[in-house]
PDB file of N, CA and C in Angstrom:
ATOM      1  N   UNK A   1      -6.076 -13.191-104.755  1.00  0.00           N
ATOM      2  CA  UNK A   1      -6.013 -13.243-103.262  1.00  0.00           C
ATOM      3  C   UNK A   1      -6.358 -11.845-102.633  1.00  0.00           C
ATOM      4  N   UNK A   2      -7.272 -11.965-101.630  1.00  0.00           N
ATOM      5  CA  UNK A   2      -7.713 -10.725-100.970  1.00  0.00           C
ATOM      6  C   UNK A   2      -6.441  -9.986-100.315  1.00  0.00           C
ATOM      7  N   UNK A   3      -6.044 -10.526 -99.354  1.00  0.00           N
ATOM      8  CA  UNK A   3      -4.935  -9.967 -98.637  1.00  0.00           C
ATOM      9  C   UNK A   3      -3.708 -11.095 -98.679  1.00  0.00           C
ATOM     10  N   UNK A   4      -2.599 -10.524 -99.172  1.00  0.00           N
ATOM     11  CA  UNK A   4      -1.465 -11.435 -99.097  1.00  0.00           C
ATOM     12  C   UNK A   4      -0.322 -10.632 -98.652  1.00  0.00           C
ATOM     13  N   UNK A   5       0.788 -11.328 -98.176  1.00  0.00           N
ATOM     14  CA  UNK A   5       1.917 -10.706 -97.697  1.00  0.00           C
ATOM     15  C   UNK A   5       3.073 -11.473 -98.197  1.00  0.00           C
ATOM     16  N   UNK A   6       4.130 -10.716 -98.579  1.00  0.00           N
ATOM     17  CA  UNK A   6       5.282 -11.313 -99.058  1.00  0.00           C
ATOM     18  C   UNK A   6       6.352 -11.217 -97.986  1.00  0.00           C
ATOM     19  N   UNK A   7       6.896 -12.407 -97.673  1.00  0.00           N
ATOM     20  CA  UNK A   7       7.871 -12.441 -96.460  1.00  0.00           C
ATOM     21  C   UNK A   7       9.142 -12.809 -97.058  1.00  0.00           C
ATOM     22  N   UNK A   8      10.171 -12.012 -96.723  1.00  0.00           N
ATOM     23  CA  UNK A   8      11.583 -12.211 -97.183  1.00  0.00           C
ATOM     24  C   UNK A   8      12.178 -13.292 -96.297  1.00  0.00           C
ATOM     25  N   UNK A   9      12.908 -14.261 -97.033  1.00  0.00           N
ATOM     26  CA  UNK A   9      13.517 -15.316 -96.246  1.00  0.00           C
ATOM     27  C   UNK A   9      14.494 -14.825 -95.221  1.00  0.00           C
ATOM     28  N   UNK A  10      15.235 -13.738 -95.434  1.00  0.00           N
ATOM     29  CA  UNK A  10      16.178 -13.237 -94.320  1.00  0.00           C
ATOM     30  C   UNK A  10      15.393 -12.604 -93.201  1.00  0.00           C
ATOM     31  N   UNK A  11      14.295 -12.037 -93.407  1.00  0.00           N
ATOM     32  CA  UNK A  11      13.446 -11.566 -92.357  1.00  0.00           C
ATOM     33  C   UNK A  11      12.896 -12.717 -91.480  1.00  0.00           C
ATOM     34  N   UNK A  12      12.421 -13.667 -92.121  1.00  0.00           N
ATOM     35  CA  UNK A  12      11.902 -14.869 -91.441  1.00  0.00           C
ATOM     36  C   UNK A  12      13.146 -15.579 -90.647  1.00  0.00           C
ATOM     37  N   UNK A  13      14.264 -15.610 -91.118  1.00  0.00           N
ATOM     38  CA  UNK A  13      15.434 -16.172 -90.408  1.00  0.00           C
ATOM     39  C   UNK A  13      15.738 -15.393 -89.302  1.00  0.00           C
ATOM     40  N   UNK A  14      15.677 -14.007 -89.376  1.00  0.00           N
ATOM     41  CA  UNK A  14      16.011 -13.219 -88.248  1.00  0.00           C
ATOM     42  C   UNK A  14      15.097 -13.415 -87.156  1.00  0.00           C
ATOM     43  N   UNK A  15      13.739 -13.477 -87.507  1.00  0.00           N
ATOM     44  CA  UNK A  15      12.716 -13.606 -86.444  1.00  0.00           C
ATOM     45  C   UNK A  15      12.901 -14.990 -85.741  1.00  0.00           C
ATOM     46  N   UNK A  16      13.093 -16.051 -86.556  1.00  0.00           N
ATOM     47  CA  UNK A  16      13.415 -17.347 -85.970  1.00  0.00           C
ATOM     48  C   UNK A  16      14.585 -17.399 -84.977  1.00  0.00           C
ATOM     49  N   UNK A  17      15.719 -16.688 -85.430  1.00  0.00           N
ATOM     50  CA  UNK A  17      16.885 -16.585 -84.619  1.00  0.00           C
ATOM     51  C   UNK A  17      16.607 -15.849 -83.329  1.00  0.00           C
ATOM     52  N   UNK A  18      15.795 -14.732 -83.351  1.00  0.00           N
ATOM     53  CA  UNK A  18      15.472 -14.009 -82.188  1.00  0.00           C
ATOM     54  C   UNK A  18      14.598 -14.873 -81.301  1.00  0.00           C
ATOM     55  N   UNK A  19      13.718 -15.647 -81.842  1.00  0.00           N
ATOM     56  CA  UNK A  19      12.913 -16.502 -81.027  1.00  0.00           C
ATOM     57  C   UNK A  19      13.803 -17.611 -80.299  1.00  0.00           C
ATOM     58  N   UNK A  20      14.833 -18.059 -81.068  1.00  0.00           N
ATOM     59  CA  UNK A  20      15.784 -19.082 -80.436  1.00  0.00           C
ATOM     60  C   UNK A  20      16.574 -18.376 -79.315  1.00  0.00           C
ATOM     61  N   UNK A  21      16.946 -17.156 -79.585  1.00  0.00           N
ATOM     62  CA  UNK A  21      17.626 -16.367 -78.483  1.00  0.00           C
ATOM     63  C   UNK A  21      16.831 -16.354 -77.248  1.00  0.00           C
ATOM     64  N   UNK A  22      15.495 -16.014 -77.441  1.00  0.00           N
ATOM     65  CA  UNK A  22      14.594 -15.986 -76.270  1.00  0.00           C
ATOM     66  C   UNK A  22      14.604 -17.260 -75.558  1.00  0.00           C
ATOM     67  N   UNK A  23      14.530 -18.427 -76.431  1.00  0.00           N
ATOM     68  CA  UNK A  23      14.577 -19.730 -75.856  1.00  0.00           C
ATOM     69  C   UNK A  23      15.884 -19.947 -75.026  1.00  0.00           C
ATOM     70  N   UNK A  24      16.955 -19.552 -75.672  1.00  0.00           N
ATOM     71  CA  UNK A  24      18.285 -19.692 -74.880  1.00  0.00           C
ATOM     72  C   UNK A  24      18.285 -18.816 -73.644  1.00  0.00           C
ATOM     73  N   UNK A  25      17.664 -17.778 -73.587  1.00  0.00           N
ATOM     74  CA  UNK A  25      17.725 -16.860 -72.377  1.00  0.00           C
ATOM     75  C   UNK A  25      16.863 -17.375 -71.298  1.00  0.00           C
ATOM     76  N   UNK A  26      15.990 -18.350 -71.633  1.00  0.00           N
ATOM     77  CA  UNK A  26      14.981 -18.902 -70.616  1.00  0.00           C
ATOM     78  C   UNK A  26      15.856 -19.737 -69.546  1.00  0.00           C
ATOM     79  N   UNK A  27      15.381 -19.877 -68.413  1.00  0.00           N
ATOM     80  CA  UNK A  27      15.957 -20.696 -67.343  1.00  0.00           C
ATOM     81  C   UNK A  27      15.435 -22.126 -67.565  1.00  0.00           C
ATOM     82  N   UNK A  28      14.544 -22.348 -68.484  1.00  0.00           N
ATOM     83  CA  UNK A  28      14.042 -23.826 -68.698  1.00  0.00           C
ATOM     84  C   UNK A  28      14.946 -24.497 -69.639  1.00  0.00           C
ATOM     85  N   UNK A  29      15.330 -25.758 -69.182  1.00  0.00           N
ATOM     86  CA  UNK A  29      16.055 -26.539 -70.054  1.00  0.00           C
ATOM     87  C   UNK A  29      15.222 -27.754 -70.573  1.00  0.00           C
ATOM     88  N   UNK A  30      14.094 -27.856 -70.008  1.00  0.00           N
ATOM     89  CA  UNK A  30      13.122 -28.818 -70.475  1.00  0.00           C
ATOM     90  C   UNK A  30      11.767 -28.220 -70.453  1.00  0.00           C
ATOM     91  N   UNK A  31      10.862 -28.730 -71.301  1.00  0.00           N
ATOM     92  CA  UNK A  31       9.534 -28.257 -71.389  1.00  0.00           C
ATOM     93  C   UNK A  31       8.572 -29.542 -71.295  1.00  0.00           C
ATOM     94  N   UNK A  32       7.732 -29.468 -70.254  1.00  0.00           N
ATOM     95  CA  UNK A  32       6.679 -30.481 -70.047  1.00  0.00           C
ATOM     96  C   UNK A  32       5.456 -30.198 -70.968  1.00  0.00           C
ATOM     97  N   UNK A  33       5.278 -31.062 -71.845  1.00  0.00           N
ATOM     98  CA  UNK A  33       4.133 -30.984 -72.713  1.00  0.00           C
ATOM     99  C   UNK A  33       3.056 -31.773 -71.962  1.00  0.00           C
ATOM    100  N   UNK A  34       2.169 -30.973 -71.288  1.00  0.00           N
ATOM    101  CA  UNK A  34       1.173 -31.613 -70.391  1.00  0.00           C
ATOM    102  C   UNK A  34      -0.166 -31.937 -71.188  1.00  0.00           C
ATOM    103  N   UNK A  35      -0.136 -31.732 -72.386  1.00  0.00           N
ATOM    104  CA  UNK A  35      -1.266 -32.077 -73.346  1.00  0.00           C
ATOM    105  C   UNK A  35      -0.748 -32.853 -74.504  1.00  0.00           C
ATOM    106  N   UNK A  36      -1.524 -33.606 -75.086  1.00  0.00           N
ATOM    107  CA  UNK A  36      -1.051 -34.467 -76.177  1.00  0.00           C
ATOM    108  C   UNK A  36      -2.026 -34.307 -77.382  1.00  0.00           C
ATOM    109  N   UNK A  37      -3.225 -34.626 -77.265  1.00  0.00           N
ATOM    110  CA  UNK A  37      -4.083 -34.579 -78.459  1.00  0.00           C
ATOM    111  C   UNK A  37      -4.605 -33.139 -78.729  1.00  0.00           C
ATOM    112  N   UNK A  38      -4.711 -32.811 -80.064  1.00  0.00           N
ATOM    113  CA  UNK A  38      -5.283 -31.558 -80.459  1.00  0.00           C
ATOM    114  C   UNK A  38      -6.071 -31.668 -81.769  1.00  0.00           C
ATOM    115  N   UNK A  39      -6.830 -30.724 -81.924  1.00  0.00           N
ATOM    116  CA  UNK A  39      -7.775 -30.750 -83.241  1.00  0.00           C
ATOM    117  C   UNK A  39      -6.850 -30.226 -84.332  1.00  0.00           C
ATOM    118  N   UNK A  40      -7.018 -30.817 -85.448  1.00  0.00           N
ATOM    119  CA  UNK A  40      -6.246 -30.462 -86.619  1.00  0.00           C
ATOM    120  C   UNK A  40      -7.283 -30.315 -87.816  1.00  0.00           C
ATOM    121  N   UNK A  41      -7.129 -29.213 -88.483  1.00  0.00           N
ATOM    122  CA  UNK A  41      -7.962 -28.860 -89.658  1.00  0.00           C
ATOM    123  C   UNK A  41      -7.101 -29.290 -90.906  1.00  0.00           C
ATOM    124  N   UNK A  42      -7.632 -30.046 -91.830  1.00  0.00           N
ATOM    125  CA  UNK A  42      -6.841 -30.434 -93.043  1.00  0.00           C
ATOM    126  C   UNK A  42      -6.350 -29.094 -93.631  1.00  0.00           C
ATOM    127  N   UNK A  43      -5.074 -29.294 -94.193  1.00  0.00           N
ATOM    128  CA  UNK A  43      -4.379 -28.088 -94.818  1.00  0.00           C
ATOM    129  C   UNK A  43      -5.235 -27.354 -95.819  1.00  0.00           C
ATOM    130  N   UNK A  44      -5.847 -28.142 -96.604  1.00  0.00           N
ATOM    131  CA  UNK A  44      -6.696 -27.454 -97.702  1.00  0.00           C
ATOM    132  C   UNK A  44      -7.937 -26.661 -97.167  1.00  0.00           C
ATOM    133  N   UNK A  45      -8.243 -26.881 -95.993  1.00  0.00           N
ATOM    134  CA  UNK A  45      -9.433 -26.198 -95.413  1.00  0.00           C
ATOM    135  C   UNK A  45      -9.090 -25.178 -94.466  1.00  0.00           C
ATOM    136  N   UNK A  46      -7.795 -25.118 -93.996  1.00  0.00           N
ATOM    137  CA  UNK A  46      -7.370 -24.261 -92.867  1.00  0.00           C
ATOM    138  C   UNK A  46      -7.608 -22.844 -93.171  1.00  0.00           C
ATOM    139  N   UNK A  47      -7.445 -22.333 -94.341  1.00  0.00           N
ATOM    140  CA  UNK A  47      -7.534 -20.934 -94.648  1.00  0.00           C
ATOM    141  C   UNK A  47      -8.761 -20.671 -95.502  1.00  0.00           C
ATOM    142  N   UNK A  48      -9.682 -21.556 -95.563  1.00  0.00           N
ATOM    143  CA  UNK A  48     -11.023 -21.334 -96.213  1.00  0.00           C
ATOM    144  C   UNK A  48     -11.962 -20.937 -95.151  1.00  0.00           C
ATOM    145  N   UNK A  49     -11.990 -19.728 -94.634  1.00  0.00           N
ATOM    146  CA  UNK A  49     -12.697 -19.291 -93.511  1.00  0.00           C
ATOM    147  C   UNK A  49     -14.073 -19.041 -93.758  1.00  0.00           C
ATOM    148  N   UNK A  50     -14.583 -19.271 -94.964  1.00  0.00           N
ATOM    149  CA  UNK A  50     -15.918 -18.948 -95.351  1.00  0.00           C
ATOM    150  C   UNK A  50     -16.873 -20.340 -95.261  1.00  0.00           C
ATOM    151  N   UNK A  51     -16.080 -21.385 -95.007  1.00  0.00           N
ATOM    152  CA  UNK A  51     -16.692 -22.663 -94.764  1.00  0.00           C
ATOM    153  C   UNK A  51     -16.268 -23.285 -93.498  1.00  0.00           C
ATOM    154  N   UNK A  52     -17.232 -23.590 -92.561  1.00  0.00           N
ATOM    155  CA  UNK A  52     -16.921 -24.236 -91.322  1.00  0.00           C
ATOM    156  C   UNK A  52     -16.254 -25.638 -91.487  1.00  0.00           C
ATOM    157  N   UNK A  53     -15.220 -25.804 -91.022  1.00  0.00           N
ATOM    158  CA  UNK A  53     -14.561 -27.239 -91.161  1.00  0.00           C
ATOM    159  C   UNK A  53     -15.498 -28.306 -90.453  1.00  0.00           C
ATOM    160  N   UNK A  54     -15.750 -29.342 -91.273  1.00  0.00           N
ATOM    161  CA  UNK A  54     -16.617 -30.388 -90.586  1.00  0.00           C
ATOM    162  C   UNK A  54     -15.797 -31.736 -90.452  1.00  0.00           C
ATOM    163  N   UNK A  55     -14.622 -31.825 -91.144  1.00  0.00           N
ATOM    164  CA  UNK A  55     -13.876 -33.033 -90.998  1.00  0.00           C
ATOM    165  C   UNK A  55     -12.532 -32.864 -90.282  1.00  0.00           C
ATOM    166  N   UNK A  56     -12.752 -32.374 -89.081  1.00  0.00           N
ATOM    167  CA  UNK A  56     -11.543 -32.258 -88.158  1.00  0.00           C
ATOM    168  C   UNK A  56     -10.907 -33.584 -87.853  1.00  0.00           C
ATOM    169  N   UNK A  57      -9.653 -33.587 -87.752  1.00  0.00           N
ATOM    170  CA  UNK A  57      -8.913 -34.776 -87.341  1.00  0.00           C
ATOM    171  C   UNK A  57      -8.231 -34.514 -86.061  1.00  0.00           C
ATOM    172  N   UNK A  58      -7.635 -35.558 -85.431  1.00  0.00           N
ATOM    173  CA  UNK A  58      -6.837 -35.242 -84.280  1.00  0.00           C
ATOM    174  C   UNK A  58      -5.322 -35.401 -84.465  1.00  0.00           C
ATOM    175  N   UNK A  59      -4.554 -34.659 -83.862  1.00  0.00           N
ATOM    176  CA  UNK A  59      -3.182 -34.808 -84.047  1.00  0.00           C
ATOM    177  C   UNK A  59      -2.584 -35.116 -82.615  1.00  0.00           C
ATOM    178  N   UNK A  60      -1.380 -35.494 -82.517  1.00  0.00           N
ATOM    179  CA  UNK A  60      -0.691 -35.920 -81.177  1.00  0.00           C
ATOM    180  C   UNK A  60       0.606 -35.268 -81.106  1.00  0.00           C
ATOM    181  N   UNK A  61       0.872 -34.371 -80.050  1.00  0.00           N
ATOM    182  CA  UNK A  61       2.097 -33.808 -79.790  1.00  0.00           C
ATOM    183  C   UNK A  61       3.187 -34.842 -79.602  1.00  0.00           C
ATOM    184  N   UNK A  62       2.798 -35.926 -78.917  1.00  0.00           N
ATOM    185  CA  UNK A  62       3.742 -37.055 -78.681  1.00  0.00           C
ATOM    186  C   UNK A  62       4.188 -37.572 -79.992  1.00  0.00           C
ATOM    187  N   UNK A  63       3.330 -37.864 -80.826  1.00  0.00           N
ATOM    188  CA  UNK A  63       3.619 -38.368 -82.222  1.00  0.00           C
ATOM    189  C   UNK A  63       4.443 -37.361 -83.049  1.00  0.00           C
ATOM    190  N   UNK A  64       4.001 -36.104 -82.963  1.00  0.00           N
ATOM    191  CA  UNK A  64       4.836 -35.103 -83.581  1.00  0.00           C
ATOM    192  C   UNK A  64       6.287 -35.003 -83.136  1.00  0.00           C
ATOM    193  N   UNK A  65       6.484 -35.056 -81.865  1.00  0.00           N
ATOM    194  CA  UNK A  65       7.769 -35.007 -81.289  1.00  0.00           C
ATOM    195  C   UNK A  65       8.625 -36.206 -81.674  1.00  0.00           C
ATOM    196  N   UNK A  66       7.994 -37.391 -81.525  1.00  0.00           N
ATOM    197  CA  UNK A  66       8.704 -38.550 -81.978  1.00  0.00           C
ATOM    198  C   UNK A  66       9.127 -38.574 -83.473  1.00  0.00           C
ATOM    199  N   UNK A  67       8.194 -38.116 -84.325  1.00  0.00           N
ATOM    200  CA  UNK A  67       8.555 -37.885 -85.730  1.00  0.00           C
ATOM    201  C   UNK A  67       9.659 -36.878 -85.944  1.00  0.00           C
ATOM    202  N   UNK A  68       9.833 -35.842 -85.258  1.00  0.00           N
ATOM    203  CA  UNK A  68      10.908 -34.941 -85.317  1.00  0.00           C
ATOM    204  C   UNK A  68      12.042 -35.402 -84.741  1.00  0.00           C
ATOM    205  N   UNK A  69      12.114 -36.224 -83.673  1.00  0.00           N
ATOM    206  CA  UNK A  69      13.280 -36.799 -83.157  1.00  0.00           C
ATOM    207  C   UNK A  69      14.040 -37.706 -84.147  1.00  0.00           C
ATOM    208  N   UNK A  70      13.345 -38.198 -85.035  1.00  0.00           N
ATOM    209  CA  UNK A  70      14.035 -39.002 -86.192  1.00  0.00           C
ATOM    210  C   UNK A  70      14.914 -38.222 -86.881  1.00  0.00           C
ATOM    211  N   UNK A  71      14.799 -37.069 -87.007  1.00  0.00           N
ATOM    212  CA  UNK A  71      15.798 -36.086 -87.601  1.00  0.00           C
ATOM    213  C   UNK A  71      17.144 -36.024 -86.821  1.00  0.00           C
ATOM    214  N   UNK A  72      16.975 -35.929 -85.587  1.00  0.00           N
ATOM    215  CA  UNK A  72      18.212 -35.871 -84.715  1.00  0.00           C
ATOM    216  C   UNK A  72      18.878 -37.254 -84.747  1.00  0.00           C
ATOM    217  N   UNK A  73      18.127 -38.290 -84.844  1.00  0.00           N
ATOM    218  CA  UNK A  73      18.761 -39.661 -84.883  1.00  0.00           C
ATOM    219  C   UNK A  73      19.239 -39.946 -86.251  1.00  0.00           C
ATOM    220  N   UNK A  74      19.103 -39.045 -87.193  1.00  0.00           N
ATOM    221  CA  UNK A  74      19.542 -39.247 -88.576  1.00  0.00           C
ATOM    222  C   UNK A  74      18.847 -40.416 -89.251  1.00  0.00           C
ATOM    223  N   UNK A  75      17.566 -40.635 -88.818  1.00  0.00           N
ATOM    224  CA  UNK A  75      16.712 -41.670 -89.415  1.00  0.00           C
ATOM    225  C   UNK A  75      16.000 -41.158 -90.588  1.00  0.00           C
ATOM    226  N   UNK A  76      15.929 -39.858 -90.789  1.00  0.00           N
ATOM    227  CA  UNK A  76      15.256 -39.266 -91.980  1.00  0.00           C
ATOM    228  C   UNK A  76      15.778 -37.919 -92.166  1.00  0.00           C
ATOM    229  N   UNK A  77      15.495 -37.295 -93.261  1.00  0.00           N
ATOM    230  CA  UNK A  77      15.949 -35.940 -93.645  1.00  0.00           C
ATOM    231  C   UNK A  77      14.826 -34.948 -93.216  1.00  0.00           C
ATOM    232  N   UNK A  78      15.188 -33.712 -93.118  1.00  0.00           N
ATOM    233  CA  UNK A  78      14.178 -32.731 -92.857  1.00  0.00           C
ATOM    234  C   UNK A  78      13.263 -32.506 -94.001  1.00  0.00           C
ATOM    235  N   UNK A  79      11.974 -32.296 -93.864  1.00  0.00           N
ATOM    236  CA  UNK A  79      11.088 -32.024 -94.877  1.00  0.00           C
ATOM    237  C   UNK A  79      10.301 -30.754 -94.531  1.00  0.00           C
ATOM    238  N   UNK A  80       9.675 -30.087 -95.524  1.00  0.00           N
ATOM    239  CA  UNK A  80       8.908 -28.931 -95.244  1.00  0.00           C
ATOM    240  C   UNK A  80       7.803 -29.096 -94.255  1.00  0.00           C
ATOM    241  N   UNK A  81       7.117 -30.289 -94.193  1.00  0.00           N
ATOM    242  CA  UNK A  81       6.087 -30.536 -93.226  1.00  0.00           C
ATOM    243  C   UNK A  81       6.581 -30.489 -91.867  1.00  0.00           C
ATOM    244  N   UNK A  82       7.903 -30.526 -91.636  1.00  0.00           N
ATOM    245  CA  UNK A  82       8.316 -30.495 -90.207  1.00  0.00           C
ATOM    246  C   UNK A  82       7.984 -29.215 -89.578  1.00  0.00           C
ATOM    247  N   UNK A  83       7.850 -28.217 -90.384  1.00  0.00           N
ATOM    248  CA  UNK A  83       7.455 -26.871 -89.839  1.00  0.00           C
ATOM    249  C   UNK A  83       6.025 -27.031 -89.158  1.00  0.00           C
ATOM    250  N   UNK A  84       5.176 -27.744 -89.824  1.00  0.00           N
ATOM    251  CA  UNK A  84       3.842 -27.961 -89.251  1.00  0.00           C
ATOM    252  C   UNK A  84       3.841 -28.749 -87.900  1.00  0.00           C
ATOM    253  N   UNK A  85       4.743 -29.796 -87.931  1.00  0.00           N
ATOM    254  CA  UNK A  85       4.759 -30.590 -86.697  1.00  0.00           C
ATOM    255  C   UNK A  85       5.366 -29.751 -85.521  1.00  0.00           C
ATOM    256  N   UNK A  86       6.502 -28.972 -85.791  1.00  0.00           N
ATOM    257  CA  UNK A  86       6.990 -28.205 -84.726  1.00  0.00           C
ATOM    258  C   UNK A  86       6.147 -27.033 -84.311  1.00  0.00           C
ATOM    259  N   UNK A  87       5.394 -26.574 -85.215  1.00  0.00           N
ATOM    260  CA  UNK A  87       4.407 -25.500 -84.836  1.00  0.00           C
ATOM    261  C   UNK A  87       3.381 -25.924 -83.792  1.00  0.00           C
ATOM    262  N   UNK A  88       2.895 -27.107 -83.755  1.00  0.00           N
ATOM    263  CA  UNK A  88       1.988 -27.527 -82.829  1.00  0.00           C
ATOM    264  C   UNK A  88       2.746 -27.591 -81.406  1.00  0.00           C
ATOM    265  N   UNK A  89       3.965 -27.990 -81.314  1.00  0.00           N
ATOM    266  CA  UNK A  89       4.636 -28.026 -79.996  1.00  0.00           C
ATOM    267  C   UNK A  89       4.945 -26.634 -79.639  1.00  0.00           C
ATOM    268  N   UNK A  90       5.474 -25.792 -80.485  1.00  0.00           N
ATOM    269  CA  UNK A  90       5.699 -24.347 -80.115  1.00  0.00           C
ATOM    270  C   UNK A  90       4.463 -23.694 -79.727  1.00  0.00           C
ATOM    271  N   UNK A  91       3.381 -23.997 -80.247  1.00  0.00           N
ATOM    272  CA  UNK A  91       2.218 -23.278 -79.824  1.00  0.00           C
ATOM    273  C   UNK A  91       1.780 -23.657 -78.392  1.00  0.00           C
ATOM    274  N   UNK A  92       1.936 -24.849 -77.978  1.00  0.00           N
ATOM    275  CA  UNK A  92       1.651 -25.229 -76.589  1.00  0.00           C
ATOM    276  C   UNK A  92       2.737 -24.602 -75.644  1.00  0.00           C
ATOM    277  N   UNK A  93       3.987 -24.496 -76.051  1.00  0.00           N
ATOM    278  CA  UNK A  93       4.861 -23.838 -75.340  1.00  0.00           C
ATOM    279  C   UNK A  93       4.665 -22.353 -75.097  1.00  0.00           C
ATOM    280  N   UNK A  94       4.198 -21.743 -76.195  1.00  0.00           N
ATOM    281  CA  UNK A  94       3.870 -20.278 -76.228  1.00  0.00           C
ATOM    282  C   UNK A  94       2.652 -20.025 -75.267  1.00  0.00           C
ATOM    283  N   UNK A  95       1.718 -20.965 -75.304  1.00  0.00           N
ATOM    284  CA  UNK A  95       0.474 -20.733 -74.550  1.00  0.00           C
ATOM    285  C   UNK A  95       0.793 -21.004 -72.991  1.00  0.00           C
ATOM    286  N   UNK A  96       1.922 -21.799 -72.721  1.00  0.00           N
ATOM    287  CA  UNK A  96       2.092 -22.134 -71.298  1.00  0.00           C
ATOM    288  C   UNK A  96       2.859 -20.848 -70.647  1.00  0.00           C
ATOM    289  N   UNK A  97       3.301 -19.916 -71.411  1.00  0.00           N
ATOM    290  CA  UNK A  97       4.077 -18.710 -70.933  1.00  0.00           C
ATOM    291  C   UNK A  97       5.323 -19.163 -70.147  1.00  0.00           C
ATOM    292  N   UNK A  98       5.899 -20.260 -70.520  1.00  0.00           N
ATOM    293  CA  UNK A  98       7.039 -20.706 -69.787  1.00  0.00           C
ATOM    294  C   UNK A  98       8.403 -19.950 -70.119  1.00  0.00           C
ATOM    295  N   UNK A  99       8.281 -19.142 -71.108  1.00  0.00           N
ATOM    296  CA  UNK A  99       9.555 -18.438 -71.538  1.00  0.00           C
ATOM    297  C   UNK A  99       9.532 -16.998 -71.082  1.00  0.00           C
ATOM    298  N   UNK A 100       8.391 -16.603 -70.291  1.00  0.00           N
ATOM    299  CA  UNK A 100       8.394 -15.250 -69.832  1.00  0.00           C
ATOM    300  C   UNK A 100       9.024 -15.091 -68.483  1.00  0.00           C
TER     301      UNK A 100
END
């Protein structure tokens, strides 16, 4: 691997907690996701920057959120791929600058 980074679990947790604190300090109690569809690059091609992706797919923020809501309703367990689903939603929130 050319460039790699080792991230300690505790450091990642601290950053996530700081981000949650930022969320808590926000005046927003709700977030309007005013976009739904997004381009998705298959996982195995996402970090292969030397080849232009040709088989993009579409994802849906609405579907991602509905999938994550099943955790809260105890219809399914948390899985690692949930980080991927929430990342799309967090990215739109971050781009909207609604926490500043």
